[in-house]
Amino acid sequence: SLFKKLFGGGGSKPDAPSETYKDFRITATPIAEGQAFRVAATIEKEVDGKMRRHELIRADTMQGLEAAQVASIGKAKQVIDEQGERIFR
């Protein structure tokens, strides 16, 4: 339903924007907070034959869902560039 899409919070959803970046799978998972959305994403990668997962949640909030999704993927890319596979430790 529309309300689940807008206010369902984090977690991977089939309609959530995602992309592959440097062999990491990023899925935007902004969290609804009142009229704003907290920047959040799931970062996944297979490491040594095991799927690893990191939940990224930032303090940043955006006024629109689409803006939060774009920002979430951007922040995830930044974390990947800075930390690489160390995010899974």
N, C-alpha and C. Protein backbone atom coordinates (compact mmCIF):
# COMPACT_ATOMS: atom_id res chain seq x y z
N SER A 1 0.83 -1.19 0.00
CA SER A 1 0.00 0.00 0.00
C SER A 1 0.88 1.25 0.00
N LEU A 2 0.28 2.36 -0.30
CA LEU A 2 1.00 3.62 -0.34
C LEU A 2 1.58 3.97 1.02
N PHE A 3 0.84 3.73 2.10
CA PHE A 3 1.33 4.07 3.43
C PHE A 3 2.52 3.21 3.82
N LYS A 4 2.54 1.94 3.44
CA LYS A 4 3.69 1.09 3.73
C LYS A 4 4.92 1.61 3.00
N LYS A 5 4.75 2.03 1.75
CA LYS A 5 5.88 2.55 0.99
C LYS A 5 6.42 3.82 1.62
N LEU A 6 5.53 4.68 2.07
CA LEU A 6 5.96 5.97 2.62
C LEU A 6 6.44 5.89 4.06
N PHE A 7 5.81 5.03 4.86
CA PHE A 7 6.09 5.05 6.29
C PHE A 7 6.57 3.72 6.84
N GLY A 8 6.93 2.80 5.98
CA GLY A 8 7.33 1.47 6.43
C GLY A 8 8.69 1.41 7.08
N GLY A 9 9.53 2.45 6.91
CA GLY A 9 10.84 2.45 7.53
C GLY A 9 11.85 1.66 6.74
N GLY A 10 12.94 1.23 7.43
CA GLY A 10 14.05 0.56 6.78
C GLY A 10 13.72 -0.84 6.33
N GLY A 11 14.72 -1.50 5.81
CA GLY A 11 14.56 -2.86 5.32
C GLY A 11 14.47 -2.88 3.82
N SER A 12 15.05 -3.89 3.21
CA SER A 12 15.02 -3.99 1.76
C SER A 12 13.62 -4.30 1.28
N LYS A 13 13.22 -3.59 0.26
CA LYS A 13 11.90 -3.78 -0.33
C LYS A 13 12.10 -3.94 -1.83
N PRO A 14 11.23 -4.70 -2.48
CA PRO A 14 11.39 -4.91 -3.92
C PRO A 14 11.41 -3.62 -4.72
N ASP A 15 10.69 -2.58 -4.29
CA ASP A 15 10.62 -1.34 -5.05
C ASP A 15 11.63 -0.30 -4.57
N ALA A 16 12.49 -0.67 -3.62
CA ALA A 16 13.50 0.25 -3.12
C ALA A 16 14.61 0.39 -4.17
N PRO A 17 15.05 1.63 -4.43
CA PRO A 17 16.12 1.82 -5.39
C PRO A 17 17.40 1.12 -4.92
N SER A 18 18.05 0.43 -5.84
CA SER A 18 19.31 -0.21 -5.50
C SER A 18 20.23 -0.20 -6.70
N GLU A 19 21.52 -0.36 -6.43
CA GLU A 19 22.50 -0.42 -7.50
C GLU A 19 23.74 -1.12 -6.99
N THR A 20 24.56 -1.55 -7.94
CA THR A 20 25.83 -2.17 -7.61
C THR A 20 26.92 -1.13 -7.79
N TYR A 21 27.81 -1.06 -6.79
CA TYR A 21 28.91 -0.10 -6.81
C TYR A 21 30.15 -0.80 -6.26
N LYS A 22 31.18 -0.94 -7.08
CA LYS A 22 32.43 -1.60 -6.68
C LYS A 22 32.18 -2.98 -6.07
N ASP A 23 31.32 -3.75 -6.67
CA ASP A 23 30.95 -5.11 -6.23
C ASP A 23 30.12 -5.13 -4.94
N PHE A 24 29.69 -4.00 -4.44
CA PHE A 24 28.79 -3.92 -3.28
C PHE A 24 27.38 -3.67 -3.82
N ARG A 25 26.38 -4.24 -3.20
CA ARG A 25 24.98 -3.98 -3.56
C ARG A 25 24.45 -2.98 -2.55
N ILE A 26 23.99 -1.84 -3.03
CA ILE A 26 23.44 -0.78 -2.18
C ILE A 26 21.94 -0.70 -2.43
N THR A 27 21.16 -0.73 -1.35
CA THR A 27 19.72 -0.55 -1.44
C THR A 27 19.33 0.61 -0.53
N ALA A 28 18.69 1.62 -1.11
CA ALA A 28 18.23 2.77 -0.32
C ALA A 28 17.07 2.35 0.56
N THR A 29 17.15 2.67 1.85
CA THR A 29 16.10 2.29 2.80
C THR A 29 15.79 3.45 3.75
N PRO A 30 15.44 4.64 3.22
CA PRO A 30 15.17 5.78 4.09
C PRO A 30 14.09 5.45 5.13
N ILE A 31 14.22 6.07 6.29
CA ILE A 31 13.30 5.81 7.40
C ILE A 31 12.42 7.05 7.59
N ALA A 32 11.12 6.87 7.52
CA ALA A 32 10.18 7.97 7.69
C ALA A 32 10.20 8.45 9.14
N GLU A 33 10.32 9.77 9.30
CA GLU A 33 10.29 10.40 10.62
C GLU A 33 9.45 11.67 10.50
N GLY A 34 8.20 11.54 10.81
CA GLY A 34 7.29 12.68 10.65
C GLY A 34 7.17 13.05 9.19
N GLN A 35 7.46 14.30 8.86
CA GLN A 35 7.39 14.76 7.47
C GLN A 35 8.69 14.57 6.71
N ALA A 36 9.74 14.08 7.38
CA ALA A 36 11.06 13.91 6.78
C ALA A 36 11.43 12.43 6.68
N PHE A 37 12.55 12.16 6.03
CA PHE A 37 13.06 10.80 5.88
C PHE A 37 14.53 10.79 6.28
N ARG A 38 14.88 9.89 7.19
CA ARG A 38 16.27 9.73 7.61
C ARG A 38 17.02 8.96 6.53
N VAL A 39 18.24 9.41 6.23
CA VAL A 39 19.08 8.76 5.23
C VAL A 39 19.53 7.40 5.78
N ALA A 40 19.25 6.34 5.02
CA ALA A 40 19.61 4.98 5.44
C ALA A 40 19.74 4.10 4.20
N ALA A 41 20.61 3.10 4.31
CA ALA A 41 20.82 2.17 3.20
C ALA A 41 21.34 0.84 3.73
N THR A 42 21.13 -0.20 2.94
CA THR A 42 21.71 -1.50 3.21
C THR A 42 22.84 -1.72 2.21
N ILE A 43 24.01 -2.11 2.73
CA ILE A 43 25.16 -2.39 1.88
C ILE A 43 25.46 -3.88 2.02
N GLU A 44 25.55 -4.59 0.89
CA GLU A 44 25.78 -6.03 0.92
C GLU A 44 26.90 -6.40 -0.05
N LYS A 45 27.63 -7.46 0.32
CA LYS A 45 28.67 -7.98 -0.56
C LYS A 45 29.01 -9.40 -0.11
N GLU A 46 29.28 -10.25 -1.09
CA GLU A 46 29.73 -11.60 -0.75
C GLU A 46 31.22 -11.54 -0.45
N VAL A 47 31.59 -11.98 0.75
CA VAL A 47 32.98 -11.98 1.19
C VAL A 47 33.32 -13.39 1.66
N ASP A 48 34.34 -14.00 1.08
CA ASP A 48 34.76 -15.36 1.44
C ASP A 48 33.59 -16.35 1.39
N GLY A 49 32.76 -16.22 0.36
CA GLY A 49 31.65 -17.14 0.17
C GLY A 49 30.44 -16.90 1.04
N LYS A 50 30.47 -15.85 1.84
CA LYS A 50 29.35 -15.54 2.74
C LYS A 50 28.82 -14.14 2.44
N MET A 51 27.50 -14.01 2.37
CA MET A 51 26.90 -12.69 2.13
C MET A 51 26.98 -11.87 3.41
N ARG A 52 27.63 -10.73 3.31
CA ARG A 52 27.77 -9.82 4.45
C ARG A 52 26.83 -8.64 4.24
N ARG A 53 26.37 -8.05 5.33
CA ARG A 53 25.38 -6.98 5.26
C ARG A 53 25.69 -5.92 6.32
N HIS A 54 25.57 -4.66 5.91
CA HIS A 54 25.78 -3.53 6.82
C HIS A 54 24.59 -2.59 6.69
N GLU A 55 24.00 -2.22 7.80
CA GLU A 55 22.89 -1.27 7.81
C GLU A 55 23.46 0.12 8.11
N LEU A 56 23.35 1.02 7.16
CA LEU A 56 23.84 2.38 7.30
C LEU A 56 22.67 3.28 7.67
N ILE A 57 22.78 3.97 8.79
CA ILE A 57 21.76 4.94 9.21
C ILE A 57 22.49 6.21 9.60
N ARG A 58 22.13 7.30 8.96
CA ARG A 58 22.78 8.59 9.19
C ARG A 58 21.85 9.52 9.96
N ALA A 59 22.41 10.56 10.51
CA ALA A 59 21.62 11.57 11.21
C ALA A 59 20.90 12.49 10.23
N ASP A 60 21.39 12.56 8.99
CA ASP A 60 20.82 13.44 7.97
C ASP A 60 19.36 13.09 7.69
N THR A 61 18.54 14.10 7.51
CA THR A 61 17.15 13.89 7.08
C THR A 61 16.88 14.75 5.84
N MET A 62 15.94 14.27 5.03
CA MET A 62 15.56 14.97 3.82
C MET A 62 14.04 15.14 3.83
N GLN A 63 13.55 16.14 3.13
CA GLN A 63 12.11 16.41 3.12
C GLN A 63 11.33 15.49 2.20
N GLY A 64 11.92 14.93 1.20
CA GLY A 64 11.19 14.07 0.28
C GLY A 64 11.80 12.68 0.22
N LEU A 65 10.96 11.68 -0.09
CA LEU A 65 11.43 10.31 -0.17
C LEU A 65 12.47 10.14 -1.27
N GLU A 66 12.21 10.68 -2.45
CA GLU A 66 13.15 10.53 -3.55
C GLU A 66 14.50 11.17 -3.22
N ALA A 67 14.50 12.34 -2.62
CA ALA A 67 15.75 12.99 -2.22
C ALA A 67 16.48 12.15 -1.18
N ALA A 68 15.75 11.55 -0.27
CA ALA A 68 16.37 10.69 0.75
C ALA A 68 16.95 9.43 0.13
N GLN A 69 16.30 8.88 -0.88
CA GLN A 69 16.82 7.70 -1.56
C GLN A 69 18.13 8.02 -2.28
N VAL A 70 18.17 9.14 -2.97
CA VAL A 70 19.37 9.56 -3.69
C VAL A 70 20.51 9.82 -2.69
N ALA A 71 20.20 10.51 -1.61
CA ALA A 71 21.21 10.80 -0.59
C ALA A 71 21.70 9.51 0.09
N SER A 72 20.80 8.57 0.30
CA SER A 72 21.16 7.30 0.94
C SER A 72 22.16 6.53 0.10
N ILE A 73 21.93 6.45 -1.20
CA ILE A 73 22.86 5.75 -2.08
C ILE A 73 24.19 6.51 -2.14
N GLY A 74 24.13 7.82 -2.18
CA GLY A 74 25.36 8.63 -2.20
C GLY A 74 26.20 8.43 -0.94
N LYS A 75 25.56 8.42 0.22
CA LYS A 75 26.29 8.21 1.48
C LYS A 75 26.87 6.81 1.54
N ALA A 76 26.14 5.82 1.05
CA ALA A 76 26.64 4.45 1.04
C ALA A 76 27.89 4.36 0.16
N LYS A 77 27.89 5.01 -0.99
CA LYS A 77 29.06 5.02 -1.86
C LYS A 77 30.25 5.66 -1.15
N GLN A 78 30.00 6.73 -0.43
CA GLN A 78 31.05 7.41 0.32
C GLN A 78 31.66 6.48 1.37
N VAL A 79 30.83 5.75 2.09
CA VAL A 79 31.30 4.81 3.11
C VAL A 79 32.11 3.69 2.45
N ILE A 80 31.64 3.19 1.33
CA ILE A 80 32.37 2.14 0.60
C ILE A 80 33.74 2.66 0.17
N ASP A 81 33.79 3.88 -0.35
CA ASP A 81 35.07 4.46 -0.77
C ASP A 81 36.03 4.63 0.41
N GLU A 82 35.50 5.00 1.56
CA GLU A 82 36.33 5.25 2.73
C GLU A 82 36.75 3.98 3.46
N GLN A 83 35.84 2.98 3.54
CA GLN A 83 36.09 1.84 4.39
C GLN A 83 36.18 0.50 3.66
N GLY A 84 35.62 0.39 2.48
CA GLY A 84 35.63 -0.88 1.76
C GLY A 84 35.01 -1.98 2.60
N GLU A 85 35.60 -3.17 2.57
CA GLU A 85 35.05 -4.32 3.30
C GLU A 85 35.17 -4.20 4.81
N ARG A 86 35.92 -3.21 5.30
CA ARG A 86 36.02 -3.02 6.76
C ARG A 86 34.67 -2.69 7.40
N ILE A 87 33.69 -2.26 6.61
CA ILE A 87 32.38 -1.95 7.20
C ILE A 87 31.72 -3.19 7.79
N PHE A 88 32.19 -4.37 7.39
CA PHE A 88 31.58 -5.61 7.86
C PHE A 88 32.23 -6.14 9.14
N ARG A 89 33.22 -5.46 9.65
CA ARG A 89 33.89 -5.92 10.89
C ARG A 89 33.13 -5.53 12.11
